[in-house]
Amino acid sequence: TFDNGATTDELRFLARAFNVQHDEQ
């Protein structure tokens, strides 16, 4: 869902993770 911050919160976190880890997943 897009309710209560779901989906956008996780995507922001994973973007930060990729920029540090460079994990293709």
mmCIF file of all heavy atoms, coordinates in Angstrom:
data_MODEL
# 
_entry.id   MODEL 
# 
loop_
_atom_site.group_PDB 
_atom_site.id 
_atom_site.type_symbol 
_atom_site.label_atom_id 
_atom_site.label_alt_id 
_atom_site.label_comp_id 
_atom_site.label_asym_id 
_atom_site.label_entity_id 
_atom_site.label_seq_id 
_atom_site.pdbx_PDB_ins_code 
_atom_site.Cartn_x 
_atom_site.Cartn_y 
_atom_site.Cartn_z 
_atom_site.occupancy 
_atom_site.B_iso_or_equiv 
_atom_site.pdbx_formal_charge 
_atom_site.auth_seq_id 
_atom_site.auth_comp_id 
_atom_site.auth_asym_id 
_atom_site.auth_atom_id 
_atom_site.pdbx_PDB_model_num 
ATOM 1   N N   . THR A 1 1  ? 0.840  -1.187 0.000   1.00 0.00 ? 1  THR A N   1 
ATOM 2   C CA  . THR A 1 1  ? 0.000  0.000  0.000   1.00 0.00 ? 1  THR A CA  1 
ATOM 3   C C   . THR A 1 1  ? 0.879  1.242  0.000   1.00 0.00 ? 1  THR A C   1 
ATOM 4   O O   . THR A 1 1  ? 2.110  1.157  0.164   1.00 0.00 ? 1  THR A O   1 
ATOM 5   C CB  . THR A 1 1  ? -0.919 0.001  1.248   1.00 0.00 ? 1  THR A CB  1 
ATOM 6   O OG1 . THR A 1 1  ? -1.738 1.166  1.229   1.00 0.00 ? 1  THR A OG1 1 
ATOM 7   C CG2 . THR A 1 1  ? -0.107 -0.005 2.533   1.00 0.00 ? 1  THR A CG2 1 
ATOM 8   N N   . PHE A 1 2  ? 0.239  2.401  -0.175  1.00 0.00 ? 2  PHE A N   1 
ATOM 9   C CA  . PHE A 1 2  ? 0.927  3.684  -0.040  1.00 0.00 ? 2  PHE A CA  1 
ATOM 10  C C   . PHE A 1 2  ? 0.518  4.384  1.253   1.00 0.00 ? 2  PHE A C   1 
ATOM 11  O O   . PHE A 1 2  ? 0.920  5.509  1.509   1.00 0.00 ? 2  PHE A O   1 
ATOM 12  C CB  . PHE A 1 2  ? 0.598  4.587  -1.235  1.00 0.00 ? 2  PHE A CB  1 
ATOM 13  C CG  . PHE A 1 2  ? 0.897  3.952  -2.573  1.00 0.00 ? 2  PHE A CG  1 
ATOM 14  C CD1 . PHE A 1 2  ? -0.075 3.891  -3.565  1.00 0.00 ? 2  PHE A CD1 1 
ATOM 15  C CD2 . PHE A 1 2  ? 2.142  3.406  -2.839  1.00 0.00 ? 2  PHE A CD2 1 
ATOM 16  C CE1 . PHE A 1 2  ? 0.192  3.305  -4.797  1.00 0.00 ? 2  PHE A CE1 1 
ATOM 17  C CE2 . PHE A 1 2  ? 2.419  2.813  -4.068  1.00 0.00 ? 2  PHE A CE2 1 
ATOM 18  C CZ  . PHE A 1 2  ? 1.436  2.771  -5.051  1.00 0.00 ? 2  PHE A CZ  1 
ATOM 19  N N   . ASP A 1 3  ? -0.297 3.726  2.039   1.00 0.00 ? 3  ASP A N   1 
ATOM 20  C CA  . ASP A 1 3  ? -0.814 4.301  3.274   1.00 0.00 ? 3  ASP A CA  1 
ATOM 21  C C   . ASP A 1 3  ? 0.241  4.229  4.378   1.00 0.00 ? 3  ASP A C   1 
ATOM 22  O O   . ASP A 1 3  ? 1.061  3.317  4.420   1.00 0.00 ? 3  ASP A O   1 
ATOM 23  C CB  . ASP A 1 3  ? -2.070 3.539  3.693   1.00 0.00 ? 3  ASP A CB  1 
ATOM 24  C CG  . ASP A 1 3  ? -2.909 4.280  4.720   1.00 0.00 ? 3  ASP A CG  1 
ATOM 25  O OD1 . ASP A 1 3  ? -2.774 5.509  4.828   1.00 0.00 ? 3  ASP A OD1 1 
ATOM 26  O OD2 . ASP A 1 3  ? -3.713 3.628  5.402   1.00 0.00 ? 3  ASP A OD2 1 
ATOM 27  N N   . ASN A 1 4  ? 0.185  5.197  5.291   1.00 0.00 ? 4  ASN A N   1 
ATOM 28  C CA  . ASN A 1 4  ? 1.052  5.192  6.490   1.00 0.00 ? 4  ASN A CA  1 
ATOM 29  C C   . ASN A 1 4  ? 2.541  5.120  6.169   1.00 0.00 ? 4  ASN A C   1 
ATOM 30  O O   . ASN A 1 4  ? 3.326  4.547  6.941   1.00 0.00 ? 4  ASN A O   1 
ATOM 31  C CB  . ASN A 1 4  ? 0.670  4.042  7.421   1.00 0.00 ? 4  ASN A CB  1 
ATOM 32  C CG  . ASN A 1 4  ? -0.709 4.220  8.033   1.00 0.00 ? 4  ASN A CG  1 
ATOM 33  O OD1 . ASN A 1 4  ? -1.374 5.228  7.802   1.00 0.00 ? 4  ASN A OD1 1 
ATOM 34  N ND2 . ASN A 1 4  ? -1.145 3.257  8.813   1.00 0.00 ? 4  ASN A ND2 1 
ATOM 35  N N   . GLY A 1 5  ? 2.945  5.684  5.047   1.00 0.00 ? 5  GLY A N   1 
ATOM 36  C CA  . GLY A 1 5  ? 4.359  5.723  4.696   1.00 0.00 ? 5  GLY A CA  1 
ATOM 37  C C   . GLY A 1 5  ? 4.905  4.443  4.095   1.00 0.00 ? 5  GLY A C   1 
ATOM 38  O O   . GLY A 1 5  ? 6.103  4.372  3.773   1.00 0.00 ? 5  GLY A O   1 
ATOM 39  N N   . ALA A 1 6  ? 4.060  3.428  3.934   1.00 0.00 ? 6  ALA A N   1 
ATOM 40  C CA  . ALA A 1 6  ? 4.537  2.170  3.357   1.00 0.00 ? 6  ALA A CA  1 
ATOM 41  C C   . ALA A 1 6  ? 4.986  2.379  1.917   1.00 0.00 ? 6  ALA A C   1 
ATOM 42  O O   . ALA A 1 6  ? 4.460  3.230  1.202   1.00 0.00 ? 6  ALA A O   1 
ATOM 43  C CB  . ALA A 1 6  ? 3.441  1.113  3.416   1.00 0.00 ? 6  ALA A CB  1 
ATOM 44  N N   . THR A 1 7  ? 5.942  1.620  1.481   1.00 0.00 ? 7  THR A N   1 
ATOM 45  C CA  . THR A 1 7  ? 6.534  1.596  0.137   1.00 0.00 ? 7  THR A CA  1 
ATOM 46  C C   . THR A 1 7  ? 7.535  2.746  -0.046  1.00 0.00 ? 7  THR A C   1 
ATOM 47  O O   . THR A 1 7  ? 8.694  2.486  -0.386  1.00 0.00 ? 7  THR A O   1 
ATOM 48  C CB  . THR A 1 7  ? 5.465  1.626  -0.968  1.00 0.00 ? 7  THR A CB  1 
ATOM 49  O OG1 . THR A 1 7  ? 4.616  0.469  -0.812  1.00 0.00 ? 7  THR A OG1 1 
ATOM 50  C CG2 . THR A 1 7  ? 6.087  1.602  -2.354  1.00 0.00 ? 7  THR A CG2 1 
ATOM 51  N N   . THR A 1 8  ? 7.141  3.993  0.155   1.00 0.00 ? 8  THR A N   1 
ATOM 52  C CA  . THR A 1 8  ? 8.101  5.086  -0.019  1.00 0.00 ? 8  THR A CA  1 
ATOM 53  C C   . THR A 1 8  ? 9.202  5.025  1.029   1.00 0.00 ? 8  THR A C   1 
ATOM 54  O O   . THR A 1 8  ? 10.368 5.306  0.730   1.00 0.00 ? 8  THR A O   1 
ATOM 55  C CB  . THR A 1 8  ? 7.392  6.449  0.025   1.00 0.00 ? 8  THR A CB  1 
ATOM 56  O OG1 . THR A 1 8  ? 6.583  6.530  1.206   1.00 0.00 ? 8  THR A OG1 1 
ATOM 57  C CG2 . THR A 1 8  ? 6.522  6.646  -1.196  1.00 0.00 ? 8  THR A CG2 1 
ATOM 58  N N   . ASP A 1 9  ? 8.875  4.666  2.270   1.00 0.00 ? 9  ASP A N   1 
ATOM 59  C CA  . ASP A 1 9  ? 9.905  4.547  3.310   1.00 0.00 ? 9  ASP A CA  1 
ATOM 60  C C   . ASP A 1 9  ? 10.930 3.483  2.941   1.00 0.00 ? 9  ASP A C   1 
ATOM 61  O O   . ASP A 1 9  ? 12.147 3.697  3.051   1.00 0.00 ? 9  ASP A O   1 
ATOM 62  C CB  . ASP A 1 9  ? 9.266  4.178  4.651   1.00 0.00 ? 9  ASP A CB  1 
ATOM 63  C CG  . ASP A 1 9  ? 8.596  5.352  5.336   1.00 0.00 ? 9  ASP A CG  1 
ATOM 64  O OD1 . ASP A 1 9  ? 8.737  6.499  4.842   1.00 0.00 ? 9  ASP A OD1 1 
ATOM 65  O OD2 . ASP A 1 9  ? 7.927  5.135  6.363   1.00 0.00 ? 9  ASP A OD2 1 
ATOM 66  N N   . GLU A 1 10 ? 10.451 2.333  2.512   1.00 0.00 ? 10 GLU A N   1 
ATOM 67  C CA  . GLU A 1 10 ? 11.368 1.243  2.173   1.00 0.00 ? 10 GLU A CA  1 
ATOM 68  C C   . GLU A 1 10 ? 12.230 1.593  0.964   1.00 0.00 ? 10 GLU A C   1 
ATOM 69  O O   . GLU A 1 10 ? 13.428 1.285  0.928   1.00 0.00 ? 10 GLU A O   1 
ATOM 70  C CB  . GLU A 1 10 ? 10.575 -0.041 1.896   1.00 0.00 ? 10 GLU A CB  1 
ATOM 71  C CG  . GLU A 1 10 ? 10.044 -0.735 3.136   1.00 0.00 ? 10 GLU A CG  1 
ATOM 72  C CD  . GLU A 1 10 ? 8.709  -0.179 3.632   1.00 0.00 ? 10 GLU A CD  1 
ATOM 73  O OE1 . GLU A 1 10 ? 8.173  0.752  2.980   1.00 0.00 ? 10 GLU A OE1 1 
ATOM 74  O OE2 . GLU A 1 10 ? 8.204  -0.666 4.645   1.00 0.00 ? 10 GLU A OE2 1 
ATOM 75  N N   . LEU A 1 11 ? 11.642 2.255  -0.020  1.00 0.00 ? 11 LEU A N   1 
ATOM 76  C CA  . LEU A 1 11 ? 12.412 2.599  -1.220  1.00 0.00 ? 11 LEU A CA  1 
ATOM 77  C C   . LEU A 1 11 ? 13.510 3.607  -0.912  1.00 0.00 ? 11 LEU A C   1 
ATOM 78  O O   . LEU A 1 11 ? 14.628 3.496  -1.435  1.00 0.00 ? 11 LEU A O   1 
ATOM 79  C CB  . LEU A 1 11 ? 11.475 3.129  -2.306  1.00 0.00 ? 11 LEU A CB  1 
ATOM 80  C CG  . LEU A 1 11 ? 10.629 2.060  -3.013  1.00 0.00 ? 11 LEU A CG  1 
ATOM 81  C CD1 . LEU A 1 11 ? 9.566  2.712  -3.889  1.00 0.00 ? 11 LEU A CD1 1 
ATOM 82  C CD2 . LEU A 1 11 ? 11.510 1.131  -3.838  1.00 0.00 ? 11 LEU A CD2 1 
ATOM 83  N N   . ARG A 1 12 ? 13.226 4.580  -0.077  1.00 0.00 ? 12 ARG A N   1 
ATOM 84  C CA  . ARG A 1 12 ? 14.268 5.541  0.297   1.00 0.00 ? 12 ARG A CA  1 
ATOM 85  C C   . ARG A 1 12 ? 15.424 4.844  1.021   1.00 0.00 ? 12 ARG A C   1 
ATOM 86  O O   . ARG A 1 12 ? 16.603 5.137  0.782   1.00 0.00 ? 12 ARG A O   1 
ATOM 87  C CB  . ARG A 1 12 ? 13.683 6.647  1.181   1.00 0.00 ? 12 ARG A CB  1 
ATOM 88  C CG  . ARG A 1 12 ? 12.824 7.660  0.440   1.00 0.00 ? 12 ARG A CG  1 
ATOM 89  C CD  . ARG A 1 12 ? 12.489 8.833  1.339   1.00 0.00 ? 12 ARG A CD  1 
ATOM 90  N NE  . ARG A 1 12 ? 11.741 9.858  0.623   1.00 0.00 ? 12 ARG A NE  1 
ATOM 91  C CZ  . ARG A 1 12 ? 10.416 10.011 0.703   1.00 0.00 ? 12 ARG A CZ  1 
ATOM 92  N NH1 . ARG A 1 12 ? 9.711  9.202  1.480   1.00 0.00 ? 12 ARG A NH1 1 
ATOM 93  N NH2 . ARG A 1 12 ? 9.811  10.960 0.023   1.00 0.00 ? 12 ARG A NH2 1 
ATOM 94  N N   . PHE A 1 13 ? 15.072 3.947  1.913   1.00 0.00 ? 13 PHE A N   1 
ATOM 95  C CA  . PHE A 1 13 ? 16.095 3.215  2.650   1.00 0.00 ? 13 PHE A CA  1 
ATOM 96  C C   . PHE A 1 13 ? 16.954 2.368  1.711   1.00 0.00 ? 13 PHE A C   1 
ATOM 97  O O   . PHE A 1 13 ? 18.187 2.359  1.806   1.00 0.00 ? 13 PHE A O   1 
ATOM 98  C CB  . PHE A 1 13 ? 15.432 2.329  3.705   1.00 0.00 ? 13 PHE A CB  1 
ATOM 99  C CG  . PHE A 1 13 ? 16.383 1.403  4.408   1.00 0.00 ? 13 PHE A CG  1 
ATOM 100 C CD1 . PHE A 1 13 ? 17.243 1.875  5.377   1.00 0.00 ? 13 PHE A CD1 1 
ATOM 101 C CD2 . PHE A 1 13 ? 16.411 0.048  4.092   1.00 0.00 ? 13 PHE A CD2 1 
ATOM 102 C CE1 . PHE A 1 13 ? 18.136 1.019  6.027   1.00 0.00 ? 13 PHE A CE1 1 
ATOM 103 C CE2 . PHE A 1 13 ? 17.283 -0.814 4.727   1.00 0.00 ? 13 PHE A CE2 1 
ATOM 104 C CZ  . PHE A 1 13 ? 18.155 -0.327 5.699   1.00 0.00 ? 13 PHE A CZ  1 
ATOM 105 N N   . LEU A 1 14 ? 16.324 1.674  0.782   1.00 0.00 ? 14 LEU A N   1 
ATOM 106 C CA  . LEU A 1 14 ? 17.068 0.808  -0.124  1.00 0.00 ? 14 LEU A CA  1 
ATOM 107 C C   . LEU A 1 14 ? 17.919 1.611  -1.111  1.00 0.00 ? 14 LEU A C   1 
ATOM 108 O O   . LEU A 1 14 ? 18.988 1.150  -1.537  1.00 0.00 ? 14 LEU A O   1 
ATOM 109 C CB  . LEU A 1 14 ? 16.109 -0.117 -0.868  1.00 0.00 ? 14 LEU A CB  1 
ATOM 110 C CG  . LEU A 1 14 ? 15.430 -1.172 0.011   1.00 0.00 ? 14 LEU A CG  1 
ATOM 111 C CD1 . LEU A 1 14 ? 14.406 -1.956 -0.805  1.00 0.00 ? 14 LEU A CD1 1 
ATOM 112 C CD2 . LEU A 1 14 ? 16.449 -2.114 0.645   1.00 0.00 ? 14 LEU A CD2 1 
ATOM 113 N N   . ALA A 1 15 ? 17.456 2.805  -1.472  1.00 0.00 ? 15 ALA A N   1 
ATOM 114 C CA  . ALA A 1 15 ? 18.274 3.668  -2.335  1.00 0.00 ? 15 ALA A CA  1 
ATOM 115 C C   . ALA A 1 15 ? 19.555 4.066  -1.611  1.00 0.00 ? 15 ALA A C   1 
ATOM 116 O O   . ALA A 1 15 ? 20.649 4.059  -2.191  1.00 0.00 ? 15 ALA A O   1 
ATOM 117 C CB  . ALA A 1 15 ? 17.484 4.896  -2.751  1.00 0.00 ? 15 ALA A CB  1 
ATOM 118 N N   . ARG A 1 16 ? 19.408 4.415  -0.340  1.00 0.00 ? 16 ARG A N   1 
ATOM 119 C CA  . ARG A 1 16 ? 20.597 4.749  0.456   1.00 0.00 ? 16 ARG A CA  1 
ATOM 120 C C   . ARG A 1 16 ? 21.518 3.541  0.555   1.00 0.00 ? 16 ARG A C   1 
ATOM 121 O O   . ARG A 1 16 ? 22.748 3.657  0.434   1.00 0.00 ? 16 ARG A O   1 
ATOM 122 C CB  . ARG A 1 16 ? 20.153 5.198  1.850   1.00 0.00 ? 16 ARG A CB  1 
ATOM 123 C CG  . ARG A 1 16 ? 21.309 5.455  2.818   1.00 0.00 ? 16 ARG A CG  1 
ATOM 124 C CD  . ARG A 1 16 ? 22.016 6.779  2.536   1.00 0.00 ? 16 ARG A CD  1 
ATOM 125 N NE  . ARG A 1 16 ? 23.344 6.785  3.110   1.00 0.00 ? 16 ARG A NE  1 
ATOM 126 C CZ  . ARG A 1 16 ? 23.604 6.859  4.429   1.00 0.00 ? 16 ARG A CZ  1 
ATOM 127 N NH1 . ARG A 1 16 ? 22.605 6.971  5.294   1.00 0.00 ? 16 ARG A NH1 1 
ATOM 128 N NH2 . ARG A 1 16 ? 24.854 6.866  4.858   1.00 0.00 ? 16 ARG A NH2 1 
ATOM 129 N N   . ALA A 1 17 ? 20.926 2.367  0.780   1.00 0.00 ? 17 ALA A N   1 
ATOM 130 C CA  . ALA A 1 17 ? 21.728 1.152  0.887   1.00 0.00 ? 17 ALA A CA  1 
ATOM 131 C C   . ALA A 1 17 ? 22.493 0.878  -0.406  1.00 0.00 ? 17 ALA A C   1 
ATOM 132 O O   . ALA A 1 17 ? 23.681 0.528  -0.380  1.00 0.00 ? 17 ALA A O   1 
ATOM 133 C CB  . ALA A 1 17 ? 20.838 -0.042 1.231   1.00 0.00 ? 17 ALA A CB  1 
ATOM 134 N N   . PHE A 1 18 ? 21.828 1.059  -1.554  1.00 0.00 ? 18 PHE A N   1 
ATOM 135 C CA  . PHE A 1 18 ? 22.503 0.796  -2.821  1.00 0.00 ? 18 PHE A CA  1 
ATOM 136 C C   . PHE A 1 18 ? 23.662 1.762  -3.035  1.00 0.00 ? 18 PHE A C   1 
ATOM 137 O O   . PHE A 1 18 ? 24.743 1.366  -3.495  1.00 0.00 ? 18 PHE A O   1 
ATOM 138 C CB  . PHE A 1 18 ? 21.541 0.902  -3.997  1.00 0.00 ? 18 PHE A CB  1 
ATOM 139 C CG  . PHE A 1 18 ? 22.250 0.782  -5.322  1.00 0.00 ? 18 PHE A CG  1 
ATOM 140 C CD1 . PHE A 1 18 ? 22.686 -0.452 -5.773  1.00 0.00 ? 18 PHE A CD1 1 
ATOM 141 C CD2 . PHE A 1 18 ? 22.514 1.904  -6.091  1.00 0.00 ? 18 PHE A CD2 1 
ATOM 142 C CE1 . PHE A 1 18 ? 23.378 -0.569 -6.976  1.00 0.00 ? 18 PHE A CE1 1 
ATOM 143 C CE2 . PHE A 1 18 ? 23.207 1.801  -7.287  1.00 0.00 ? 18 PHE A CE2 1 
ATOM 144 C CZ  . PHE A 1 18 ? 23.631 0.557  -7.733  1.00 0.00 ? 18 PHE A CZ  1 
ATOM 145 N N   . ASN A 1 19 ? 23.453 3.008  -2.704  1.00 0.00 ? 19 ASN A N   1 
ATOM 146 C CA  . ASN A 1 19 ? 24.512 4.011  -2.910  1.00 0.00 ? 19 ASN A CA  1 
ATOM 147 C C   . ASN A 1 19 ? 25.743 3.740  -2.058  1.00 0.00 ? 19 ASN A C   1 
ATOM 148 O O   . ASN A 1 19 ? 26.835 4.205  -2.385  1.00 0.00 ? 19 ASN A O   1 
ATOM 149 C CB  . ASN A 1 19 ? 23.966 5.414  -2.626  1.00 0.00 ? 19 ASN A CB  1 
ATOM 150 C CG  . ASN A 1 19 ? 23.126 5.954  -3.773  1.00 0.00 ? 19 ASN A CG  1 
ATOM 151 O OD1 . ASN A 1 19 ? 23.517 5.869  -4.930  1.00 0.00 ? 19 ASN A OD1 1 
ATOM 152 N ND2 . ASN A 1 19 ? 21.957 6.479  -3.462  1.00 0.00 ? 19 ASN A ND2 1 
ATOM 153 N N   . VAL A 1 20 ? 25.567 2.988  -0.982  1.00 0.00 ? 20 VAL A N   1 
ATOM 154 C CA  . VAL A 1 20 ? 26.703 2.615  -0.138  1.00 0.00 ? 20 VAL A CA  1 
ATOM 155 C C   . VAL A 1 20 ? 27.248 1.245  -0.526  1.00 0.00 ? 20 VAL A C   1 
ATOM 156 O O   . VAL A 1 20 ? 28.445 1.063  -0.738  1.00 0.00 ? 20 VAL A O   1 
ATOM 157 C CB  . VAL A 1 20 ? 26.301 2.612  1.358   1.00 0.00 ? 20 VAL A CB  1 
ATOM 158 C CG1 . VAL A 1 20 ? 27.464 2.108  2.212   1.00 0.00 ? 20 VAL A CG1 1 
ATOM 159 C CG2 . VAL A 1 20 ? 25.874 3.998  1.802   1.00 0.00 ? 20 VAL A CG2 1 
ATOM 160 N N   . GLN A 1 21 ? 26.361 0.258  -0.640  1.00 0.00 ? 21 GLN A N   1 
ATOM 161 C CA  . GLN A 1 21 ? 26.778 -1.136 -0.847  1.00 0.00 ? 21 GLN A CA  1 
ATOM 162 C C   . GLN A 1 21 ? 27.006 -1.501 -2.312  1.00 0.00 ? 21 GLN A C   1 
ATOM 163 O O   . GLN A 1 21 ? 27.755 -2.422 -2.612  1.00 0.00 ? 21 GLN A O   1 
ATOM 164 C CB  . GLN A 1 21 ? 25.717 -2.085 -0.286  1.00 0.00 ? 21 GLN A CB  1 
ATOM 165 C CG  . GLN A 1 21 ? 25.482 -1.977 1.205   1.00 0.00 ? 21 GLN A CG  1 
ATOM 166 C CD  . GLN A 1 21 ? 24.329 -2.894 1.639   1.00 0.00 ? 21 GLN A CD  1 
ATOM 167 O OE1 . GLN A 1 21 ? 23.560 -3.407 0.816   1.00 0.00 ? 21 GLN A OE1 1 
ATOM 168 N NE2 . GLN A 1 21 ? 24.207 -3.099 2.932   1.00 0.00 ? 21 GLN A NE2 1 
ATOM 169 N N   . HIS A 1 22 ? 26.291 -0.806 -3.207  1.00 0.00 ? 22 HIS A N   1 
ATOM 170 C CA  . HIS A 1 22 ? 26.316 -1.126 -4.645  1.00 0.00 ? 22 HIS A CA  1 
ATOM 171 C C   . HIS A 1 22 ? 25.868 -2.565 -4.906  1.00 0.00 ? 22 HIS A C   1 
ATOM 172 O O   . HIS A 1 22 ? 26.371 -3.241 -5.803  1.00 0.00 ? 22 HIS A O   1 
ATOM 173 C CB  . HIS A 1 22 ? 27.701 -0.879 -5.237  1.00 0.00 ? 22 HIS A CB  1 
ATOM 174 C CG  . HIS A 1 22 ? 28.188 0.517  -5.023  1.00 0.00 ? 22 HIS A CG  1 
ATOM 175 N ND1 . HIS A 1 22 ? 27.594 1.608  -5.621  1.00 0.00 ? 22 HIS A ND1 1 
ATOM 176 C CD2 . HIS A 1 22 ? 29.188 1.012  -4.238  1.00 0.00 ? 22 HIS A CD2 1 
ATOM 177 C CE1 . HIS A 1 22 ? 28.211 2.717  -5.228  1.00 0.00 ? 22 HIS A CE1 1 
ATOM 178 N NE2 . HIS A 1 22 ? 29.173 2.379  -4.391  1.00 0.00 ? 22 HIS A NE2 1 
ATOM 179 N N   . ASP A 1 23 ? 24.909 -2.993 -4.100  1.00 0.00 ? 23 ASP A N   1 
ATOM 180 C CA  . ASP A 1 23 ? 24.320 -4.331 -4.268  1.00 0.00 ? 23 ASP A CA  1 
ATOM 181 C C   . ASP A 1 23 ? 23.247 -4.245 -5.351  1.00 0.00 ? 23 ASP A C   1 
ATOM 182 O O   . ASP A 1 23 ? 22.255 -3.521 -5.211  1.00 0.00 ? 23 ASP A O   1 
ATOM 183 C CB  . ASP A 1 23 ? 23.712 -4.779 -2.932  1.00 0.00 ? 23 ASP A CB  1 
ATOM 184 C CG  . ASP A 1 23 ? 23.123 -6.175 -2.989  1.00 0.00 ? 23 ASP A CG  1 
ATOM 185 O OD1 . ASP A 1 23 ? 22.873 -6.683 -4.103  1.00 0.00 ? 23 ASP A OD1 1 
ATOM 186 O OD2 . ASP A 1 23 ? 22.885 -6.758 -1.917  1.00 0.00 ? 23 ASP A OD2 1 
ATOM 187 N N   . GLU A 1 24 ? 23.426 -4.984 -6.423  1.00 0.00 ? 24 GLU A N   1 
ATOM 188 C CA  . GLU A 1 24 ? 22.510 -4.915 -7.554  1.00 0.00 ? 24 GLU A CA  1 
ATOM 189 C C   . GLU A 1 24 ? 21.078 -5.274 -7.172  1.00 0.00 ? 24 GLU A C   1 
ATOM 190 O O   . GLU A 1 24 ? 20.125 -4.777 -7.778  1.00 0.00 ? 24 GLU A O   1 
ATOM 191 C CB  . GLU A 1 24 ? 22.981 -5.836 -8.680  1.00 0.00 ? 24 GLU A CB  1 
ATOM 192 C CG  . GLU A 1 24 ? 24.097 -5.257 -9.523  1.00 0.00 ? 24 GLU A CG  1 
ATOM 193 C CD  . GLU A 1 24 ? 23.662 -3.996 -10.286 1.00 0.00 ? 24 GLU A CD  1 
ATOM 194 O OE1 . GLU A 1 24 ? 22.639 -4.057 -10.997 1.00 0.00 ? 24 GLU A OE1 1 
ATOM 195 O OE2 . GLU A 1 24 ? 24.342 -2.971 -10.146 1.00 0.00 ? 24 GLU A OE2 1 
ATOM 196 N N   . GLN A 1 25 ? 20.911 -6.124 -6.155  1.00 0.00 ? 25 GLN A N   1 
ATOM 197 C CA  . GLN A 1 25 ? 19.564 -6.501 -5.751  1.00 0.00 ? 25 GLN A CA  1 
ATOM 198 C C   . GLN A 1 25 ? 18.803 -5.294 -5.225  1.00 0.00 ? 25 GLN A C   1 
ATOM 199 O O   . GLN A 1 25 ? 17.604 -5.143 -5.485  1.00 0.00 ? 25 GLN A O   1 
ATOM 200 C CB  . GLN A 1 25 ? 19.611 -7.602 -4.684  1.00 0.00 ? 25 GLN A CB  1 
ATOM 201 C CG  . GLN A 1 25 ? 18.248 -8.173 -4.328  1.00 0.00 ? 25 GLN A CG  1 
ATOM 202 C CD  . GLN A 1 25 ? 17.539 -8.813 -5.524  1.00 0.00 ? 25 GLN A CD  1 
ATOM 203 O OE1 . GLN A 1 25 ? 18.189 -9.298 -6.456  1.00 0.00 ? 25 GLN A OE1 1 
ATOM 204 N NE2 . GLN A 1 25 ? 16.219 -8.796 -5.507  1.00 0.00 ? 25 GLN A NE2 1 
# 
